[in-house]
C-alpha atoms as a PDB file:
ATOM      1  CA  MET A   1     -12.408 -14.893  42.487  1.00  0.00           C
ATOM      2  CA  LEU A   2      -8.687 -14.942  43.267  1.00  0.00           C
ATOM      3  CA  ARG A   3      -6.725 -18.033  42.269  1.00  0.00           C
ATOM      4  CA  LEU A   4      -3.532 -18.679  44.224  1.00  0.00           C
ATOM      5  CA  TRP A   5      -1.129 -21.122  42.559  1.00  0.00           C
ATOM      6  CA  LEU A   6       0.877 -22.990  45.194  1.00  0.00           C
ATOM      7  CA  LYS A   7       4.164 -24.742  44.465  1.00  0.00           C
ATOM      8  CA  PRO A   8       5.323 -27.691  46.598  1.00  0.00           C
ATOM      9  CA  ALA A   9       7.589 -25.237  48.435  1.00  0.00           C
ATOM     10  CA  ASP A  10       4.534 -23.111  49.300  1.00  0.00           C
ATOM     11  CA  LEU A  11       2.780 -26.110  50.823  1.00  0.00           C
ATOM     12  CA  THR A  12       5.735 -26.622  53.173  1.00  0.00           C
ATOM     13  CA  ARG A  13       5.560 -22.959  54.231  1.00  0.00           C
ATOM     14  CA  ILE A  14       1.920 -22.708  55.302  1.00  0.00           C
ATOM     15  CA  ARG A  15       1.721 -21.274  58.792  1.00  0.00           C
ATOM     16  CA  PHE A  16      -0.720 -19.507  61.077  1.00  0.00           C
ATOM     17  CA  ALA A  17      -0.030 -16.204  62.799  1.00  0.00           C
ATOM     18  CA  ASP A  18       0.500 -16.951  66.483  1.00  0.00           C
ATOM     19  CA  ARG A  19      -1.708 -14.034  67.531  1.00  0.00           C
ATOM     20  CA  LEU A  20      -4.070 -11.441  66.107  1.00  0.00           C
ATOM     21  CA  HIS A  21      -2.486  -8.364  64.541  1.00  0.00           C
ATOM     22  CA  PRO A  22      -3.677  -5.353  66.590  1.00  0.00           C
ATOM     23  CA  ALA A  23      -3.657  -2.761  63.784  1.00  0.00           C
ATOM     24  CA  GLY A  24      -5.000  -5.205  61.198  1.00  0.00           C
ATOM     25  CA  THR A  25      -7.813  -6.234  63.534  1.00  0.00           C
ATOM     26  CA  VAL A  26      -8.756  -2.572  64.036  1.00  0.00           C
ATOM     27  CA  LEU A  27      -9.231  -2.161  60.277  1.00  0.00           C
ATOM     28  CA  LEU A  28     -11.295  -5.334  59.997  1.00  0.00           C
ATOM     29  CA  ALA A  29     -13.405  -4.584  63.084  1.00  0.00           C
ATOM     30  CA  SER A  30     -14.065  -1.004  61.979  1.00  0.00           C
ATOM     31  CA  GLN A  31     -15.625  -2.367  58.800  1.00  0.00           C
ATOM     32  CA  ALA A  32     -17.426  -5.305  60.392  1.00  0.00           C
ATOM     33  CA  MET A  33     -19.070  -3.236  63.143  1.00  0.00           C
ATOM     34  CA  ARG A  34     -20.599  -0.919  60.516  1.00  0.00           C
ATOM     35  CA  GLN A  35     -22.655  -3.849  59.243  1.00  0.00           C
ATOM     36  CA  PRO A  36     -26.025  -3.890  61.093  1.00  0.00           C
ATOM     37  CA  SER A  37     -26.100  -7.684  61.400  1.00  0.00           C
ATOM     38  CA  VAL A  38     -22.655  -7.792  63.027  1.00  0.00           C
ATOM     39  CA  ALA A  39     -23.381  -4.884  65.357  1.00  0.00           C
ATOM     40  CA  ALA A  40     -26.652  -6.527  66.442  1.00  0.00           C
ATOM     41  CA  GLY A  41     -24.793  -9.732  67.293  1.00  0.00           C
ATOM     42  CA  LEU A  42     -22.105  -7.876  69.280  1.00  0.00           C
ATOM     43  CA  PRO A  43     -24.040  -5.219  71.210  1.00  0.00           C
ATOM     44  CA  THR A  44     -21.276  -4.606  73.760  1.00  0.00           C
ATOM     45  CA  LEU A  45     -18.785  -3.712  71.052  1.00  0.00           C
ATOM     46  CA  ALA A  46     -21.448  -1.676  69.238  1.00  0.00           C
ATOM     47  CA  ARG A  47     -22.049   0.383  72.402  1.00  0.00           C
ATOM     48  CA  ARG A  48     -18.326   1.055  72.723  1.00  0.00           C
ATOM     49  CA  VAL A  49     -18.151   2.195  69.094  1.00  0.00           C
ATOM     50  CA  ALA A  50     -21.095   4.550  69.637  1.00  0.00           C
ATOM     51  CA  ALA A  51     -19.623   5.915  72.873  1.00  0.00           C
ATOM     52  CA  CYS A  52     -16.411   7.064  71.176  1.00  0.00           C
ATOM     53  CA  ALA A  53     -17.870   7.889  67.747  1.00  0.00           C
ATOM     54  CA  PRO A  54     -16.268  11.360  67.424  1.00  0.00           C
ATOM     55  CA  ALA A  55     -12.765   9.941  67.944  1.00  0.00           C
ATOM     56  CA  LEU A  56     -13.423   7.216  65.361  1.00  0.00           C
ATOM     57  CA  ARG A  57     -14.953   9.471  62.694  1.00  0.00           C
ATOM     58  CA  PRO A  58     -11.723   9.885  60.645  1.00  0.00           C
ATOM     59  CA  LEU A  59     -11.262   6.110  60.469  1.00  0.00           C
ATOM     60  CA  HIS A  60     -14.841   5.561  59.321  1.00  0.00           C
ATOM     61  CA  HIS A  61     -14.652   8.382  56.799  1.00  0.00           C
ATOM     62  CA  LEU A  62     -11.326   7.352  55.249  1.00  0.00           C
ATOM     63  CA  THR A  63     -12.086   3.634  54.965  1.00  0.00           C
ATOM     64  CA  PRO A  64     -15.031   2.047  53.139  1.00  0.00           C
ATOM     65  CA  ALA A  65     -17.694   0.259  55.173  1.00  0.00           C
ATOM     66  CA  GLN A  66     -16.811  -3.029  53.501  1.00  0.00           C
ATOM     67  CA  GLY A  67     -14.559  -4.483  50.867  1.00  0.00           C
ATOM     68  CA  PHE A  68     -10.992  -3.872  49.852  1.00  0.00           C
ATOM     69  CA  VAL A  69      -8.645  -1.524  51.744  1.00  0.00           C
ATOM     70  CA  PRO A  70      -5.097  -0.542  50.730  1.00  0.00           C
ATOM     71  CA  ASP A  71      -2.558  -3.222  51.613  1.00  0.00           C
ATOM     72  CA  PHE A  72      -0.329  -0.845  53.596  1.00  0.00           C
ATOM     73  CA  MET A  73      -3.135  -0.392  56.141  1.00  0.00           C
ATOM     74  CA  THR A  74      -2.874  -4.064  57.144  1.00  0.00           C
ATOM     75  CA  PRO A  75       0.915  -4.460  57.511  1.00  0.00           C
ATOM     76  CA  LEU A  76       2.688  -7.728  58.238  1.00  0.00           C
ATOM     77  CA  ASP A  77       5.007  -5.862  60.625  1.00  0.00           C
ATOM     78  CA  GLY A  78       3.849  -4.684  64.015  1.00  0.00           C
ATOM     79  CA  LEU A  79       2.339  -7.933  65.255  1.00  0.00           C
ATOM     80  CA  GLU A  80       3.729  -7.322  68.751  1.00  0.00           C
ATOM     81  CA  SER A  81       1.617  -4.254  69.633  1.00  0.00           C
ATOM     82  CA  ILE A  82      -0.817  -1.662  68.339  1.00  0.00           C
ATOM     83  CA  GLU A  83       1.966   0.937  68.319  1.00  0.00           C
ATOM     84  CA  GLY A  84       4.187  -1.340  66.239  1.00  0.00           C
ATOM     85  CA  GLY A  85       1.467  -1.724  63.614  1.00  0.00           C
ATOM     86  CA  LEU A  86       0.690   2.000  63.585  1.00  0.00           C
ATOM     87  CA  ASP A  87       4.380   2.798  63.154  1.00  0.00           C
ATOM     88  CA  ALA A  88       4.478   0.459  60.151  1.00  0.00           C
ATOM     89  CA  ILE A  89       1.478   2.250  58.614  1.00  0.00           C
ATOM     90  CA  ARG A  90       2.890   5.709  59.322  1.00  0.00           C
ATOM     91  CA  SER A  91       6.249   4.836  57.753  1.00  0.00           C
ATOM     92  CA  THR A  92       4.730   3.747  54.413  1.00  0.00           C
ATOM     93  CA  PRO A  93       6.409   5.593  51.514  1.00  0.00           C
ATOM     94  CA  ALA A  94       4.222   8.332  50.066  1.00  0.00           C
ATOM     95  CA  THR A  95       4.406   6.825  46.579  1.00  0.00           C
ATOM     96  CA  ARG A  96       2.873   3.591  47.857  1.00  0.00           C
ATOM     97  CA  VAL A  97       0.170   5.422  49.816  1.00  0.00           C
ATOM     98  CA  ARG A  98      -0.839   7.400  46.726  1.00  0.00           C
ATOM     99  CA  ALA A  99      -0.886   4.346  44.466  1.00  0.00           C
ATOM    100  CA  GLU A 100      -2.842   2.056  46.807  1.00  0.00           C
ATOM    101  CA  VAL A 101      -5.372   4.608  48.056  1.00  0.00           C
ATOM    102  CA  SER A 102      -6.104   5.853  44.541  1.00  0.00           C
ATOM    103  CA  SER A 103      -6.586   2.282  43.311  1.00  0.00           C
ATOM    104  CA  ALA A 104      -8.645   1.011  46.242  1.00  0.00           C
ATOM    105  CA  TYR A 105     -10.928   4.026  46.482  1.00  0.00           C
ATOM    106  CA  ALA A 106     -11.549   4.700  42.808  1.00  0.00           C
ATOM    107  CA  ASP A 107     -15.315   4.274  43.312  1.00  0.00           C
ATOM    108  CA  VAL A 108     -15.605   5.967  46.721  1.00  0.00           C
ATOM    109  CA  PRO A 109     -17.326   9.390  46.784  1.00  0.00           C
ATOM    110  CA  VAL A 110     -14.786  12.216  46.806  1.00  0.00           C
ATOM    111  CA  SER A 111     -14.314  14.480  49.834  1.00  0.00           C
ATOM    112  CA  ALA A 112     -11.587  16.923  50.806  1.00  0.00           C
ATOM    113  CA  ALA A 113     -10.153  14.542  53.414  1.00  0.00           C
ATOM    114  CA  ARG A 114     -10.223  11.559  51.061  1.00  0.00           C
ATOM    115  CA  ARG A 115      -8.559  13.605  48.324  1.00  0.00           C
ATOM    116  CA  ARG A 116      -5.789  14.600  50.739  1.00  0.00           C
ATOM    117  CA  PHE A 117      -5.452  10.986  51.875  1.00  0.00           C
ATOM    118  CA  ALA A 118      -5.047   9.846  48.265  1.00  0.00           C
ATOM    119  CA  ALA A 119      -2.339  12.507  47.912  1.00  0.00           C
ATOM    120  CA  ALA A 120      -0.454  10.991  50.911  1.00  0.00           C
ATOM    121  CA  ASP A 121      -0.965  14.074  53.081  1.00  0.00           C
ATOM    122  CA  PRO A 122       0.999  13.244  56.290  1.00  0.00           C
ATOM    123  CA  HIS A 123      -1.458  15.179  58.480  1.00  0.00           C
ATOM    124  CA  VAL A 124      -4.375  13.056  57.250  1.00  0.00           C
ATOM    125  CA  LEU A 125      -2.334   9.887  57.798  1.00  0.00           C
ATOM    126  CA  ASP A 126      -1.580  10.991  61.383  1.00  0.00           C
ATOM    127  CA  THR A 127      -5.289  11.644  61.932  1.00  0.00           C
ATOM    128  CA  LEU A 128      -6.120   8.154  60.669  1.00  0.00           C
ATOM    129  CA  VAL A 129      -3.500   6.561  62.915  1.00  0.00           C
ATOM    130  CA  THR A 130      -4.836   8.461  65.938  1.00  0.00           C
ATOM    131  CA  ALA A 131      -8.354   7.169  65.243  1.00  0.00           C
ATOM    132  CA  MET A 132      -7.042   3.616  64.861  1.00  0.00           C
ATOM    133  CA  ARG A 133      -5.300   3.891  68.232  1.00  0.00           C
ATOM    134  CA  ALA A 134      -8.528   5.073  69.845  1.00  0.00           C
ATOM    135  CA  TYR A 135     -10.454   2.192  68.256  1.00  0.00           C
ATOM    136  CA  PHE A 136      -8.050  -0.381  69.651  1.00  0.00           C
ATOM    137  CA  HIS A 137      -7.931   0.982  73.202  1.00  0.00           C
ATOM    138  CA  GLN A 138     -11.600   1.926  73.566  1.00  0.00           C
ATOM    139  CA  VAL A 139     -13.337  -0.834  71.576  1.00  0.00           C
ATOM    140  CA  LEU A 140     -11.105  -3.902  71.323  1.00  0.00           C
ATOM    141  CA  ALA A 141      -8.710  -3.745  74.277  1.00  0.00           C
ATOM    142  CA  PRO A 142     -11.230  -4.880  76.943  1.00  0.00           C
ATOM    143  CA  ASP A 143     -11.689  -8.163  75.032  1.00  0.00           C
ATOM    144  CA  TRP A 144      -8.223  -8.468  73.472  1.00  0.00           C
ATOM    145  CA  ALA A 145      -7.127 -11.353  75.711  1.00  0.00           C
ATOM    146  CA  ALA A 146     -10.342 -13.268  74.966  1.00  0.00           C
ATOM    147  CA  LEU A 147      -9.971 -12.649  71.241  1.00  0.00           C
ATOM    148  CA  ASN A 148      -6.456 -14.060  71.273  1.00  0.00           C
ATOM    149  CA  ARG A 149      -7.481 -17.076  73.358  1.00  0.00           C
ATOM    150  CA  THR A 150     -10.101 -17.925  70.758  1.00  0.00           C
ATOM    151  CA  HIS A 151      -7.538 -17.362  68.004  1.00  0.00           C
ATOM    152  CA  ARG A 152      -5.229 -19.897  69.623  1.00  0.00           C
ATOM    153  CA  GLN A 153      -8.079 -22.401  69.903  1.00  0.00           C
ATOM    154  CA  VAL A 154      -8.873 -22.058  66.188  1.00  0.00           C
ATOM    155  CA  VAL A 155      -5.195 -22.500  65.328  1.00  0.00           C
ATOM    156  CA  ALA A 156      -4.970 -25.569  67.557  1.00  0.00           C
ATOM    157  CA  GLU A 157      -7.951 -27.148  65.768  1.00  0.00           C
ATOM    158  CA  ALA A 158      -6.338 -26.380  62.396  1.00  0.00           C
ATOM    159  CA  ALA A 159      -3.104 -27.944  63.592  1.00  0.00           C
ATOM    160  CA  GLY A 160      -5.041 -31.073  64.478  1.00  0.00           C
ATOM    161  CA  ARG A 161      -6.527 -31.248  60.982  1.00  0.00           C
ATOM    162  CA  TYR A 162      -3.079 -30.804  59.474  1.00  0.00           C
ATOM    163  CA  ALA A 163      -1.687 -33.591  61.647  1.00  0.00           C
ATOM    164  CA  LEU A 164      -4.441 -35.979  60.500  1.00  0.00           C
ATOM    165  CA  ALA A 165      -4.929 -34.940  56.862  1.00  0.00           C
ATOM    166  CA  GLY A 166      -1.878 -32.891  55.838  1.00  0.00           C
ATOM    167  CA  ALA A 167      -1.899 -29.670  53.844  1.00  0.00           C
ATOM    168  CA  ASP A 168      -4.669 -30.982  51.563  1.00  0.00           C
ATOM    169  CA  GLY A 169      -7.016 -31.552  54.485  1.00  0.00           C
ATOM    170  CA  LEU A 170      -6.156 -28.205  56.067  1.00  0.00           C
ATOM    171  CA  LEU A 171      -6.736 -26.119  52.931  1.00  0.00           C
ATOM    172  CA  ALA A 172      -9.914 -27.982  51.990  1.00  0.00           C
ATOM    173  CA  ASP A 173     -11.610 -27.183  55.317  1.00  0.00           C
ATOM    174  CA  LEU A 174     -10.743 -23.547  56.058  1.00  0.00           C
ATOM    175  CA  HIS A 175     -13.964 -21.845  54.910  1.00  0.00           C
ATOM    176  CA  PRO A 176     -16.765 -22.412  52.368  1.00  0.00           C
ATOM    177  CA  ALA A 177     -15.422 -19.479  50.305  1.00  0.00           C
ATOM    178  CA  ILE A 178     -11.995 -21.138  50.042  1.00  0.00           C
ATOM    179  CA  ARG A 179     -11.592 -24.194  47.808  1.00  0.00           C
ATOM    180  CA  TRP A 180      -8.475 -26.287  47.327  1.00  0.00           C
ATOM    181  CA  ARG A 181      -8.133 -27.712  43.821  1.00  0.00           C
ATOM    182  CA  GLU A 182      -4.505 -28.751  43.775  1.00  0.00           C
ATOM    183  CA  PRO A 183      -2.343 -26.839  42.955  1.00  0.00           C
ATOM    184  CA  VAL A 184      -4.764 -23.872  43.043  1.00  0.00           C
ATOM    185  CA  LEU A 185      -6.390 -22.319  46.095  1.00  0.00           C
ATOM    186  CA  GLU A 186      -9.577 -20.572  44.937  1.00  0.00           C
ATOM    187  CA  VAL A 187     -10.625 -17.701  47.174  1.00  0.00           C
ATOM    188  CA  ASP A 188     -13.866 -15.736  46.802  1.00  0.00           C
ATOM    189  CA  ALA A 189     -12.056 -12.553  47.834  1.00  0.00           C
ATOM    190  CA  TRP A 190     -12.807  -8.914  47.097  1.00  0.00           C
ATOM    191  CA  GLN A 191     -10.331  -8.941  44.204  1.00  0.00           C
ATOM    192  CA  ASP A 192     -10.040 -11.150  41.115  1.00  0.00           C
ATOM    193  CA  GLY A 193      -7.010 -12.531  39.357  1.00  0.00           C
ATOM    194  CA  GLU A 194      -4.286 -15.170  39.274  1.00  0.00           C
ATOM    195  CA  VAL A 195      -1.301 -15.118  41.650  1.00  0.00           C
ATOM    196  CA  ARG A 196       1.660 -17.491  41.729  1.00  0.00           C
ATOM    197  CA  LEU A 197       3.176 -17.610  45.196  1.00  0.00           C
ATOM    198  CA  ALA A 198       6.613 -18.663  43.901  1.00  0.00           C
ATOM    199  CA  GLY A 199       7.607 -20.649  46.970  1.00  0.00           C
ATOM    200  CA  HIS A 200       7.248 -17.842  49.562  1.00  0.00           C
ATOM    201  CA  GLY A 201       4.420 -19.635  51.345  1.00  0.00           C
ATOM    202  CA  LEU A 202       1.151 -18.603  52.937  1.00  0.00           C
ATOM    203  CA  ILE A 203       0.320 -17.030  56.302  1.00  0.00           C
ATOM    204  CA  VAL A 204      -3.207 -17.931  57.417  1.00  0.00           C
ATOM    205  CA  VAL A 205      -5.164 -15.736  59.834  1.00  0.00           C
ATOM    206  CA  PRO A 206      -8.639 -16.655  61.147  1.00  0.00           C
ATOM    207  CA  SER A 207     -10.468 -13.459  62.139  1.00  0.00           C
ATOM    208  CA  PRO A 208     -13.873 -12.839  63.740  1.00  0.00           C
ATOM    209  CA  PHE A 209     -14.010  -9.518  61.848  1.00  0.00           C
ATOM    210  CA  ALA A 210     -12.915 -10.605  58.359  1.00  0.00           C
ATOM    211  CA  GLY A 211     -16.387  -9.969  56.976  1.00  0.00           C
ATOM    212  CA  PRO A 212     -18.420 -11.973  54.492  1.00  0.00           C
ATOM    213  CA  ARG A 213     -15.426 -12.768  52.267  1.00  0.00           C
ATOM    214  CA  PRO A 214     -11.843 -13.860  52.897  1.00  0.00           C
ATOM    215  CA  ARG A 215      -9.117 -11.281  52.276  1.00  0.00           C
ATOM    216  CA  VAL A 216      -5.796 -11.806  50.553  1.00  0.00           C
ATOM    217  CA  LEU A 217      -2.691  -9.636  50.691  1.00  0.00           C
ATOM    218  CA  VAL A 218       0.078 -10.620  48.276  1.00  0.00           C
ATOM    219  CA  ALA A 219       3.591  -9.290  48.878  1.00  0.00           C
ATOM    220  CA  PRO A 220       5.929  -9.247  45.869  1.00  0.00           C
ATOM    221  CA  ASP A 221       8.845 -10.953  47.626  1.00  0.00           C
ATOM    222  CA  GLY A 222       7.242 -12.563  50.644  1.00  0.00           C
ATOM    223  CA  PRO A 223       4.449 -14.862  51.777  1.00  0.00           C
ATOM    224  CA  ALA A 224       0.834 -14.174  50.892  1.00  0.00           C
ATOM    225  CA  LEU A 225      -1.541 -13.355  53.744  1.00  0.00           C
ATOM    226  CA  LEU A 226      -4.941 -15.091  53.795  1.00  0.00           C
ATOM    227  CA  VAL A 227      -7.491 -13.783  56.316  1.00  0.00           C
ATOM    228  CA  TYR A 228     -10.681 -15.824  56.544  1.00  0.00           C
ATOM    229  CA  PRO A 229     -13.838 -15.390  58.629  1.00  0.00           C
ATOM    230  CA  VAL A 230     -14.543 -17.270  61.825  1.00  0.00           C
ATOM    231  CA  GLU A 231     -17.506 -16.649  64.079  1.00  0.00           C
ATOM    232  CA  PRO A 232     -17.244 -13.634  66.410  1.00  0.00           C
ATOM    233  CA  ALA A 233     -15.172 -14.561  69.416  1.00  0.00           C
ATOM    234  CA  VAL A 234     -16.523 -11.999  71.861  1.00  0.00           C
ATOM    235  CA  VAL A 235     -19.684 -13.151  73.589  1.00  0.00           C
ATOM    236  CA  PRO A 236     -21.136  -9.971  75.079  1.00  0.00           C
ATOM    237  CA  PRO A 237     -22.683 -10.092  78.523  1.00  0.00           C
ATOM    238  CA  ASP A 238     -26.446 -10.472  78.212  1.00  0.00           C
ATOM    239  CA  GLY A 239     -27.403 -10.107  81.829  1.00  0.00           C
ATOM    240  CA  ARG A 240     -28.294 -13.765  82.357  1.00  0.00           C
ATOM    241  CA  GLY A 241     -27.348 -14.619  85.901  1.00  0.00           C
ATOM    242  CA  ALA A 242     -28.178 -17.341  88.362  1.00  0.00           C
ATOM    243  CA  GLY A 243     -31.688 -15.941  88.817  1.00  0.00           C
ATOM    244  CA  ASP A 244     -32.565 -16.117  85.138  1.00  0.00           C
ATOM    245  CA  PRO A 245     -35.360 -18.639  84.425  1.00  0.00           C
ATOM    246  CA  LEU A 246     -33.413 -20.399  81.664  1.00  0.00           C
ATOM    247  CA  VAL A 247     -30.329 -20.723  83.859  1.00  0.00           C
ATOM    248  CA  GLY A 248     -32.495 -22.125  86.629  1.00  0.00           C
ATOM    249  CA  LEU A 249     -34.028 -24.630  84.205  1.00  0.00           C
ATOM    250  CA  PHE A 250     -31.019 -25.713  82.136  1.00  0.00           C
ATOM    251  CA  GLY A 251     -27.975 -24.592  84.107  1.00  0.00           C
ATOM    252  CA  ARG A 252     -25.527 -21.850  83.133  1.00  0.00           C
ATOM    253  CA  THR A 253     -23.491 -23.817  80.558  1.00  0.00           C
ATOM    254  CA  ARG A 254     -26.423 -25.391  78.704  1.00  0.00           C
ATOM    255  CA  THR A 255     -28.153 -22.004  78.598  1.00  0.00           C
ATOM    256  CA  ALA A 256     -25.005 -20.488  77.065  1.00  0.00           C
ATOM    257  CA  VAL A 257     -24.961 -23.259  74.435  1.00  0.00           C
ATOM    258  CA  LEU A 258     -28.615 -22.621  73.631  1.00  0.00           C
ATOM    259  CA  MET A 259     -28.013 -18.857  73.399  1.00  0.00           C
ATOM    260  CA  GLN A 260     -25.204 -19.438  70.904  1.00  0.00           C
ATOM    261  CA  ALA A 261     -27.362 -21.710  68.741  1.00  0.00           C
ATOM    262  CA  ALA A 262     -30.019 -18.978  68.701  1.00  0.00           C
ATOM    263  CA  ARG A 263     -27.641 -16.276  67.431  1.00  0.00           C
ATOM    264  CA  PRO A 264     -27.442 -15.452  63.699  1.00  0.00           C
ATOM    265  CA  GLY A 265     -24.806 -17.282  61.673  1.00  0.00           C
ATOM    266  CA  ARG A 266     -23.459 -20.770  61.124  1.00  0.00           C
ATOM    267  CA  HIS A 267     -22.852 -22.727  64.331  1.00  0.00           C
ATOM    268  CA  THR A 268     -20.903 -25.978  64.504  1.00  0.00           C
ATOM    269  CA  THR A 269     -20.129 -28.112  67.536  1.00  0.00           C
ATOM    270  CA  SER A 270     -16.584 -26.703  67.588  1.00  0.00           C
ATOM    271  CA  SER A 271     -17.576 -23.067  67.130  1.00  0.00           C
ATOM    272  CA  ILE A 272     -20.132 -23.254  69.954  1.00  0.00           C
ATOM    273  CA  ALA A 273     -17.485 -24.844  72.161  1.00  0.00           C
ATOM    274  CA  ARG A 274     -15.143 -21.923  71.451  1.00  0.00           C
ATOM    275  CA  GLN A 275     -17.812 -19.314  72.073  1.00  0.00           C
ATOM    276  CA  VAL A 276     -18.943 -20.801  75.369  1.00  0.00           C
ATOM    277  CA  GLY A 277     -15.441 -21.750  76.517  1.00  0.00           C
ATOM    278  CA  ILE A 278     -15.994 -25.502  76.904  1.00  0.00           C
ATOM    279  CA  SER A 279     -14.553 -28.612  75.296  1.00  0.00           C
ATOM    280  CA  VAL A 280     -15.894 -29.967  72.006  1.00  0.00           C
ATOM    281  CA  SER A 281     -17.080 -33.136  73.739  1.00  0.00           C
ATOM    282  CA  SER A 282     -18.989 -31.085  76.330  1.00  0.00           C
ATOM    283  CA  SER A 283     -20.518 -28.973  73.562  1.00  0.00           C
ATOM    284  CA  SER A 284     -21.635 -32.138  71.788  1.00  0.00           C
ATOM    285  CA  GLU A 285     -23.262 -33.496  74.960  1.00  0.00           C
ATOM    286  CA  HIS A 286     -25.205 -30.292  75.630  1.00  0.00           C
ATOM    287  CA  LEU A 287     -26.333 -30.036  71.998  1.00  0.00           C
ATOM    288  CA  SER A 288     -27.501 -33.663  72.044  1.00  0.00           C
ATOM    289  CA  ALA A 289     -29.619 -32.969  75.119  1.00  0.00           C
ATOM    290  CA  LEU A 290     -31.085 -29.825  73.571  1.00  0.00           C
ATOM    291  CA  ARG A 291     -31.772 -31.689  70.327  1.00  0.00           C
ATOM    292  CA  ALA A 292     -33.565 -34.459  72.190  1.00  0.00           C
ATOM    293  CA  ALA A 293     -35.776 -31.806  73.815  1.00  0.00           C
ATOM    294  CA  GLY A 294     -36.660 -30.283  70.421  1.00  0.00           C
ATOM    295  CA  LEU A 295     -34.734 -27.076  71.109  1.00  0.00           C
ATOM    296  CA  VAL A 296     -31.944 -27.550  68.565  1.00  0.00           C
ATOM    297  CA  ALA A 297     -31.952 -28.965  65.032  1.00  0.00           C
ATOM    298  CA  SER A 298     -28.724 -30.382  63.562  1.00  0.00           C
ATOM    299  CA  ARG A 299     -27.584 -31.348  60.088  1.00  0.00           C
ATOM    300  CA  ARG A 300     -24.355 -32.489  58.472  1.00  0.00           C
ATOM    301  CA  ASP A 301     -22.609 -29.938  56.241  1.00  0.00           C
ATOM    302  CA  GLY A 302     -19.457 -31.403  54.708  1.00  0.00           C
ATOM    303  CA  GLY A 303     -17.250 -32.573  57.542  1.00  0.00           C
ATOM    304  CA  ALA A 304     -19.077 -30.609  60.238  1.00  0.00           C
ATOM    305  CA  ILE A 305     -22.401 -30.793  62.087  1.00  0.00           C
ATOM    306  CA  VAL A 306     -24.271 -27.473  61.917  1.00  0.00           C
ATOM    307  CA  HIS A 307     -26.783 -26.572  64.637  1.00  0.00           C
ATOM    308  CA  ARG A 308     -29.593 -24.032  64.792  1.00  0.00           C
ATOM    309  CA  ALA A 309     -32.145 -23.156  67.422  1.00  0.00           C
ATOM    310  CA  THR A 310     -35.701 -24.265  66.704  1.00  0.00           C
ATOM    311  CA  ALA A 311     -38.660 -21.896  66.762  1.00  0.00           C
ATOM    312  CA  LEU A 312     -39.546 -23.182  70.243  1.00  0.00           C
ATOM    313  CA  SER A 313     -36.121 -22.382  71.695  1.00  0.00           C
ATOM    314  CA  ARG A 314     -35.963 -18.970  70.005  1.00  0.00           C
ATOM    315  CA  ASP A 315     -39.270 -18.150  71.634  1.00  0.00           C
ATOM    316  CA  LEU A 316     -37.891 -19.240  74.997  1.00  0.00           C
ATOM    317  CA  VAL A 317     -34.790 -17.078  74.558  1.00  0.00           C
ATOM    318  CA  GLN A 318     -36.824 -14.030  73.548  1.00  0.00           C
ATOM    319  CA  ARG A 319     -39.183 -14.449  76.455  1.00  0.00           C
END
């Protein structure tokens, strides 16, 4: 567990990134899509990854399938474009590359390419950057606008919580793996330790590809970066059109709500609204109707209502 000590000045400098970081999202997605459960839930993205597997092989070989990656591979700079982020990675001093790769990959099996990467070989770094570029353009780019729309919706909901409950309410309701015990933010991250933010603040990034645990990047003279998981924002096409029996029975929107409740993971009224692209009030109405028909079960979990498809509705969806 990582414990972040926040001063009053840090609480006044909590902010969300206004968009997803292209290069950072590539790193997160490349790990997430190697997890069978994530790939099964996002078959369209999984097919894209498989289609360009040779171009992505250096990225998959040089980065672990899950867990911690060197900080320089998720730079704060380069938010404006994939090329900006890749330039920031490529310009990392060799001493930092050697230190961070050697530390992060101490338990990763050795290979010639990984050994050269840990030695800051510029050719290997260029190969990695080329694979990251291919991942962005061939896997993420078709859904990049949708990913950022969902990001803005999550940020807007967080802004509403801040307006009603202040920094305490915001930090207490980010994610089950993040706990606010003033003045300490406890994060079940991949690393352990104690960090004092010293008034530089905190940048918060919700990401559909963060993985099972939040991630924290601490800069020595700048704000800390906290990336926490939200439900996948890309809803892949599943072929359900106007002629589908469920659409004919329930209508397109209610069918989409039911499909979301039947997917793996934790589904709240707000998250289903984001996934389907409807308002929270509309999501609540559709879920109430499905619950009354015995197709959805709901329970309270903290400040949210969590929904899951019943056995009857899962059978309907499968059929």
